[in-house]
Amino acid sequence: MTSPANTSATPYGTLPPSSTPSARKPLSLPRLREMQAHGEKITMLTAYDATFAAVADAAGVECILVGDSLGMVCQGLTSTVGVTLETMRHHTECVANGLRRSQATAWLIGDLPFGSYHESKEQALRSAVVLMQAGAHMVKLEGGGWTAETVRFLVERGIPVCAHLGLTPQTVHALGGYRVQGKGEEAAATLKQQAHELQDAGAAMMVLEMVPAALSAELTKELTHCATIGIGAGSGTAGQVLVLHDMLGMNLGKMPKFVRNFMEGPDNKTASVRGAMEAYVRAVKDGSFPVNATHAW
């Protein structure tokens, strides 16, 4: 009879438990705050299943986001609006299981999908509990203004929150498409106000998507208690995030300006998925990605 621990002998034993233990301690909120305070760049990638999550963890990615972008890259939807809470729960659980099968050092963030937190603070709490019980360490929600009250409500109940400003894909129809946000004095002032409100409400991290590089850098200096994570927001943020499939050069549509294919180039010595992830981590850490002139506005 095969020992339960001997999963490498199974036909689908893709997550070898016998891999070399990591020297990295599990990421925590205090550790992420320490990285921000010391100017050490934070790396984040999306992942939607156990295997890719385990590889990202082994490659040194600090934060894994189970993004509702899975609606587009996994389900083939034209936007994230059709993603349900149950779908997010399922994929969050898959990713959490993958991390437990490997090093389990990455900080896991689950996206609250469209319609799962808009009705009330209480609805947001119920939705957040679903993702936390599936294995998330933190939840992410989009938008500013009215969301600050929701963030405060969740944080007061012990749920870490990542905010998301700039291009917010769940409201892409209201924004008129995938456009840069925060351009012009009035738009920049509104975004800055919302960012400070979210920090004051307790948001520990904040994704800034398709925000002008100068504005993102300015906000990063001002938000001393909330780590900014850029995507198409320039090099001046506290960290970076990319959609996994984009940085591996796999995209069903047009590759966004802010993406770099890490499967190509001298940084990826082995032209492997793990090699691409390791190259991404190195590039974010040493400041060679993103390049404002190429990847930002």
Protein backbone atom coordinates (compact mmCIF):
# COMPACT_ATOMS: atom_id res chain seq x y z
CA MET A 1 0.00 0.00 0.00
CA THR A 2 1.38 3.40 -0.98
CA SER A 3 2.17 5.74 1.89
CA PRO A 4 0.05 8.92 1.91
CA ALA A 5 3.26 10.94 2.12
CA ASN A 6 4.61 9.40 -1.07
CA THR A 7 2.59 11.62 -3.39
CA SER A 8 5.48 11.84 -5.85
CA ALA A 9 4.56 8.32 -6.97
CA THR A 10 1.05 9.34 -7.98
CA PRO A 11 0.37 10.20 -11.63
CA TYR A 12 -0.57 13.77 -10.74
CA GLY A 13 1.94 14.42 -7.95
CA THR A 14 2.84 17.88 -9.27
CA LEU A 15 3.54 19.41 -5.86
CA PRO A 16 6.42 17.42 -4.34
CA PRO A 17 6.30 17.69 -0.55
CA SER A 18 9.93 16.61 -0.36
CA SER A 19 11.21 19.85 -1.89
CA THR A 20 13.96 21.66 0.01
CA PRO A 21 12.48 23.66 2.90
CA SER A 22 12.57 27.42 2.36
CA ALA A 23 14.74 29.63 4.51
CA ARG A 24 12.09 32.33 4.21
CA LYS A 25 9.71 32.68 7.10
CA PRO A 26 5.99 32.96 6.28
CA LEU A 27 5.10 36.51 5.25
CA SER A 28 3.00 38.45 7.72
CA LEU A 29 1.45 41.90 7.89
CA PRO A 30 4.20 43.16 10.24
CA ARG A 31 6.86 41.81 7.85
CA LEU A 32 5.21 43.53 4.86
CA ARG A 33 5.07 46.79 6.82
CA GLU A 34 8.75 46.38 7.66
CA MET A 35 9.58 45.92 3.99
CA GLN A 36 7.67 49.09 3.15
CA ALA A 37 9.41 51.05 5.90
CA HIS A 38 12.86 49.93 4.71
CA GLY A 39 12.15 50.53 1.04
CA GLU A 40 12.38 46.85 0.08
CA LYS A 41 10.18 46.27 -2.95
CA ILE A 42 7.22 43.91 -2.45
CA THR A 43 6.51 41.37 -5.20
CA MET A 44 3.04 40.11 -6.04
CA LEU A 45 1.63 37.86 -8.76
CA THR A 46 -1.82 36.47 -9.39
CA ALA A 47 -2.40 32.73 -9.19
CA TYR A 48 -5.57 30.71 -9.55
CA ASP A 49 -4.61 27.11 -8.84
CA ALA A 50 -2.49 25.01 -6.51
CA THR A 51 0.44 24.26 -8.80
CA PHE A 52 1.18 27.78 -10.03
CA ALA A 53 0.76 29.10 -6.48
CA ALA A 54 3.31 26.60 -5.19
CA VAL A 55 5.78 27.50 -7.92
CA ALA A 56 5.35 31.23 -7.25
CA ASP A 57 5.95 30.65 -3.55
CA ALA A 58 9.09 28.64 -4.26
CA ALA A 59 10.29 31.35 -6.67
CA GLY A 60 10.25 33.92 -3.87
CA VAL A 61 7.06 35.85 -4.70
CA GLU A 62 5.95 37.48 -1.45
CA CYS A 63 2.26 38.03 -2.15
CA ILE A 64 -0.12 35.92 -4.20
CA LEU A 65 -3.37 37.50 -5.34
CA VAL A 66 -6.27 35.25 -6.26
CA GLY A 67 -7.62 37.93 -8.56
CA ASP A 68 -11.04 38.13 -10.11
CA SER A 69 -8.98 38.51 -13.29
CA LEU A 70 -9.50 34.74 -13.39
CA GLY A 71 -12.81 35.55 -15.05
CA MET A 72 -10.91 36.72 -18.10
CA VAL A 73 -7.83 34.49 -18.12
CA CYS A 74 -9.43 31.27 -16.86
CA GLN A 75 -13.12 31.57 -17.73
CA GLY A 76 -12.82 33.54 -20.97
CA LEU A 77 -15.14 36.35 -19.88
CA THR A 78 -14.81 39.81 -21.39
CA SER A 79 -14.58 41.48 -17.96
CA THR A 80 -14.40 40.57 -14.28
CA VAL A 81 -18.03 41.49 -13.65
CA GLY A 82 -19.32 37.93 -14.15
CA VAL A 83 -17.10 36.36 -11.47
CA THR A 84 -19.05 35.05 -8.48
CA LEU A 85 -18.13 34.76 -4.81
CA GLU A 86 -18.37 30.98 -5.04
CA THR A 87 -15.87 30.97 -7.91
CA MET A 88 -13.51 33.12 -5.86
CA ARG A 89 -13.93 30.83 -2.86
CA HIS A 90 -13.10 27.78 -4.97
CA HIS A 91 -9.92 29.26 -6.46
CA THR A 92 -8.79 30.75 -3.15
CA GLU A 93 -9.10 27.32 -1.57
CA CYS A 94 -7.14 25.75 -4.46
CA VAL A 95 -4.32 28.27 -4.07
CA ALA A 96 -4.26 27.88 -0.29
CA ASN A 97 -4.03 24.10 -0.68
CA GLY A 98 -1.12 24.49 -3.08
CA LEU A 99 0.73 26.70 -0.64
CA ARG A 100 0.17 24.19 2.17
CA ARG A 101 1.61 21.45 -0.06
CA SER A 102 4.77 23.47 -0.60
CA GLN A 103 6.49 26.14 1.49
CA ALA A 104 3.43 28.07 2.66
CA THR A 105 5.38 31.30 3.00
CA ALA A 106 3.50 33.66 0.66
CA TRP A 107 0.88 36.17 1.84
CA LEU A 108 -2.45 35.20 0.23
CA ILE A 109 -4.95 37.85 -0.89
CA GLY A 110 -8.44 37.06 -2.18
CA ASP A 111 -10.43 39.41 -4.41
CA LEU A 112 -13.97 40.27 -3.34
CA PRO A 113 -15.85 40.05 -6.65
CA PHE A 114 -18.36 42.45 -8.13
CA GLY A 115 -21.59 42.61 -6.11
CA SER A 116 -20.19 40.84 -3.05
CA TYR A 117 -19.54 43.96 -0.95
CA HIS A 118 -21.59 46.74 -2.56
CA GLU A 119 -24.89 46.21 -0.75
CA SER A 120 -23.71 46.86 2.82
CA LYS A 121 -20.83 46.55 5.27
CA GLU A 122 -22.49 43.42 6.61
CA GLN A 123 -22.58 41.85 3.16
CA ALA A 124 -18.89 42.69 2.77
CA LEU A 125 -18.15 40.97 6.09
CA ARG A 126 -20.02 37.82 5.08
CA SER A 127 -18.18 37.72 1.75
CA ALA A 128 -14.81 38.34 3.37
CA VAL A 129 -15.43 35.52 5.85
CA VAL A 130 -16.01 33.13 2.93
CA LEU A 131 -12.59 33.95 1.44
CA MET A 132 -10.78 33.99 4.78
CA GLN A 133 -12.19 30.58 5.66
CA ALA A 134 -11.01 29.35 2.26
CA GLY A 135 -7.45 30.32 3.20
CA ALA A 136 -6.97 34.01 2.37
CA HIS A 137 -4.91 36.15 4.73
CA MET A 138 -6.35 39.40 3.34
CA VAL A 139 -9.18 40.51 1.07
CA LYS A 140 -9.10 43.12 -1.69
CA LEU A 141 -11.88 45.42 -2.79
CA GLU A 142 -12.07 48.09 -5.46
CA GLY A 143 -12.90 51.77 -5.41
CA GLY A 144 -12.75 54.78 -3.14
CA GLY A 145 -15.17 57.10 -1.39
CA TRP A 146 -17.95 54.90 -0.05
CA THR A 147 -15.59 51.92 0.36
CA ALA A 148 -13.63 53.58 3.20
CA GLU A 149 -16.46 52.87 5.64
CA THR A 150 -16.52 49.24 4.52
CA VAL A 151 -12.74 48.93 4.92
CA ARG A 152 -12.94 50.31 8.46
CA PHE A 153 -15.75 47.89 9.31
CA LEU A 154 -13.70 44.90 8.13
CA VAL A 155 -10.42 45.98 9.70
CA GLU A 156 -12.10 46.58 13.06
CA ARG A 157 -13.21 42.94 12.90
CA GLY A 158 -9.73 41.60 12.29
CA ILE A 159 -9.80 41.26 8.50
CA PRO A 160 -6.78 42.78 6.73
CA VAL A 161 -7.79 44.75 3.63
CA CYS A 162 -6.04 45.67 0.39
CA ALA A 163 -7.66 48.62 -1.40
CA HIS A 164 -7.60 49.20 -5.17
CA LEU A 165 -7.69 52.60 -6.90
CA GLY A 166 -7.12 53.92 -10.40
CA LEU A 167 -8.47 51.64 -13.09
CA THR A 168 -10.95 49.43 -11.23
CA PRO A 169 -11.91 46.61 -13.63
CA GLN A 170 -15.20 45.85 -11.88
CA THR A 171 -16.46 49.32 -12.89
CA VAL A 172 -14.84 49.40 -16.32
CA HIS A 173 -18.20 50.12 -17.99
CA ALA A 174 -18.71 53.20 -15.82
CA LEU A 175 -15.14 54.35 -16.52
CA GLY A 176 -15.68 54.08 -20.27
CA GLY A 177 -13.04 51.42 -20.86
CA TYR A 178 -9.54 50.48 -19.74
CA ARG A 179 -8.15 54.00 -19.41
CA VAL A 180 -5.50 55.70 -17.31
CA GLN A 181 -7.02 57.22 -14.17
CA GLY A 182 -5.90 60.24 -12.16
CA LYS A 183 -4.88 62.39 -15.13
CA GLY A 184 -5.45 66.11 -14.64
CA GLU A 185 -5.48 68.11 -11.42
CA GLU A 186 -9.07 67.39 -10.41
CA ALA A 187 -8.87 63.65 -11.05
CA ALA A 188 -5.51 63.43 -9.27
CA ALA A 189 -6.86 65.33 -6.25
CA THR A 190 -9.85 62.99 -6.00
CA LEU A 191 -7.67 59.89 -6.21
CA LYS A 192 -5.31 61.27 -3.55
CA GLN A 193 -8.20 62.07 -1.23
CA GLN A 194 -9.65 58.58 -1.64
CA ALA A 195 -6.25 56.98 -1.03
CA HIS A 196 -5.77 58.85 2.24
CA GLU A 197 -9.31 57.98 3.34
CA LEU A 198 -8.64 54.30 2.69
CA GLN A 199 -5.36 54.41 4.60
CA ASP A 200 -7.08 56.18 7.51
CA ALA A 201 -9.76 53.47 7.45
CA GLY A 202 -7.08 50.83 7.97
CA ALA A 203 -6.19 49.50 4.51
CA ALA A 204 -2.73 47.96 4.81
CA MET A 205 -2.06 47.67 1.07
CA MET A 206 -3.35 49.47 -2.00
CA VAL A 207 -3.17 48.45 -5.64
CA LEU A 208 -2.73 51.44 -7.95
CA GLU A 209 -3.67 50.40 -11.48
CA MET A 210 -2.96 52.54 -14.55
CA VAL A 211 -2.23 55.66 -12.52
CA PRO A 212 0.36 58.20 -13.78
CA ALA A 213 3.82 57.35 -12.45
CA ALA A 214 4.39 60.76 -10.86
CA LEU A 215 1.10 60.59 -8.94
CA SER A 216 1.79 57.01 -7.80
CA ALA A 217 5.25 57.97 -6.53
CA GLU A 218 3.82 60.96 -4.68
CA LEU A 219 1.14 58.83 -3.05
CA THR A 220 3.68 56.18 -2.07
CA LYS A 221 5.65 58.78 -0.10
CA GLU A 222 2.51 60.08 1.59
CA LEU A 223 0.93 56.73 2.51
CA THR A 224 3.35 55.69 5.24
CA HIS A 225 0.98 53.06 6.71
CA CYS A 226 -0.34 51.59 3.46
CA ALA A 227 1.96 49.87 0.96
CA THR A 228 1.21 50.81 -2.64
CA ILE A 229 1.37 48.00 -5.21
CA GLY A 230 1.61 49.22 -8.77
CA ILE A 231 0.39 47.76 -12.02
CA GLY A 232 0.93 50.21 -14.84
CA ALA A 233 1.67 52.84 -12.18
CA GLY A 234 5.41 53.27 -12.58
CA SER A 235 8.43 52.29 -10.54
CA GLY A 236 7.82 54.56 -7.55
CA THR A 237 5.39 52.30 -5.72
CA ALA A 238 6.25 50.09 -2.74
CA GLY A 239 5.73 46.96 -4.83
CA GLN A 240 4.50 45.55 -8.12
CA VAL A 241 1.86 43.08 -9.28
CA LEU A 242 1.22 41.43 -12.64
CA VAL A 243 -1.32 38.94 -13.88
CA LEU A 244 0.44 35.57 -14.05
CA HIS A 245 -0.60 34.75 -17.60
CA ASP A 246 0.53 38.17 -18.86
CA MET A 247 4.05 37.92 -17.44
CA LEU A 248 4.35 34.43 -18.95
CA GLY A 249 3.46 35.82 -22.37
CA MET A 250 0.06 34.10 -22.53
CA ASN A 251 -2.76 36.49 -23.30
CA LEU A 252 -6.04 36.01 -25.18
CA GLY A 253 -6.16 39.68 -26.13
CA LYS A 254 -3.84 42.65 -26.53
CA MET A 255 -0.87 42.64 -24.15
CA PRO A 256 -1.11 45.72 -21.91
CA LYS A 257 1.63 48.35 -22.13
CA PHE A 258 2.69 47.78 -18.54
CA VAL A 259 3.43 44.05 -19.00
CA ARG A 260 6.80 42.45 -19.63
CA ASN A 261 7.08 38.85 -20.84
CA PHE A 262 9.47 37.27 -18.34
CA MET A 263 9.61 34.00 -20.29
CA GLU A 264 11.89 35.85 -22.70
CA GLY A 265 15.23 37.54 -22.18
CA PRO A 266 18.54 36.80 -20.42
CA ASP A 267 17.04 37.07 -16.93
CA ASN A 268 15.19 33.78 -17.39
CA LYS A 269 18.16 31.44 -17.71
CA THR A 270 16.11 28.28 -18.15
CA ALA A 271 13.06 29.61 -20.05
CA SER A 272 10.87 27.96 -17.44
CA VAL A 273 7.82 29.16 -15.52
CA ARG A 274 9.74 29.17 -12.26
CA GLY A 275 12.65 30.89 -13.99
CA ALA A 276 10.28 33.59 -15.26
CA MET A 277 8.89 34.14 -11.77
CA GLU A 278 12.39 34.34 -10.28
CA ALA A 279 13.39 36.82 -12.98
CA TYR A 280 10.31 38.91 -12.15
CA VAL A 281 11.21 38.94 -8.45
CA ARG A 282 14.79 40.00 -9.24
CA ALA A 283 13.68 42.72 -11.62
CA VAL A 284 11.21 44.23 -9.16
CA LYS A 285 13.72 44.04 -6.31
CA ASP A 286 16.57 45.66 -8.25
CA GLY A 287 14.35 48.29 -9.86
CA SER A 288 14.84 47.18 -13.47
CA PHE A 289 11.09 46.54 -13.79
CA PRO A 290 8.99 48.48 -14.43
CA VAL A 291 10.67 51.15 -16.55
CA ASN A 292 8.62 54.34 -16.47
CA ALA A 293 9.43 55.28 -20.06
CA THR A 294 8.18 51.89 -21.30
CA HIS A 295 5.61 50.56 -18.83
CA ALA A 296 3.94 53.65 -17.35
CA TRP A 297 2.19 56.91 -18.14
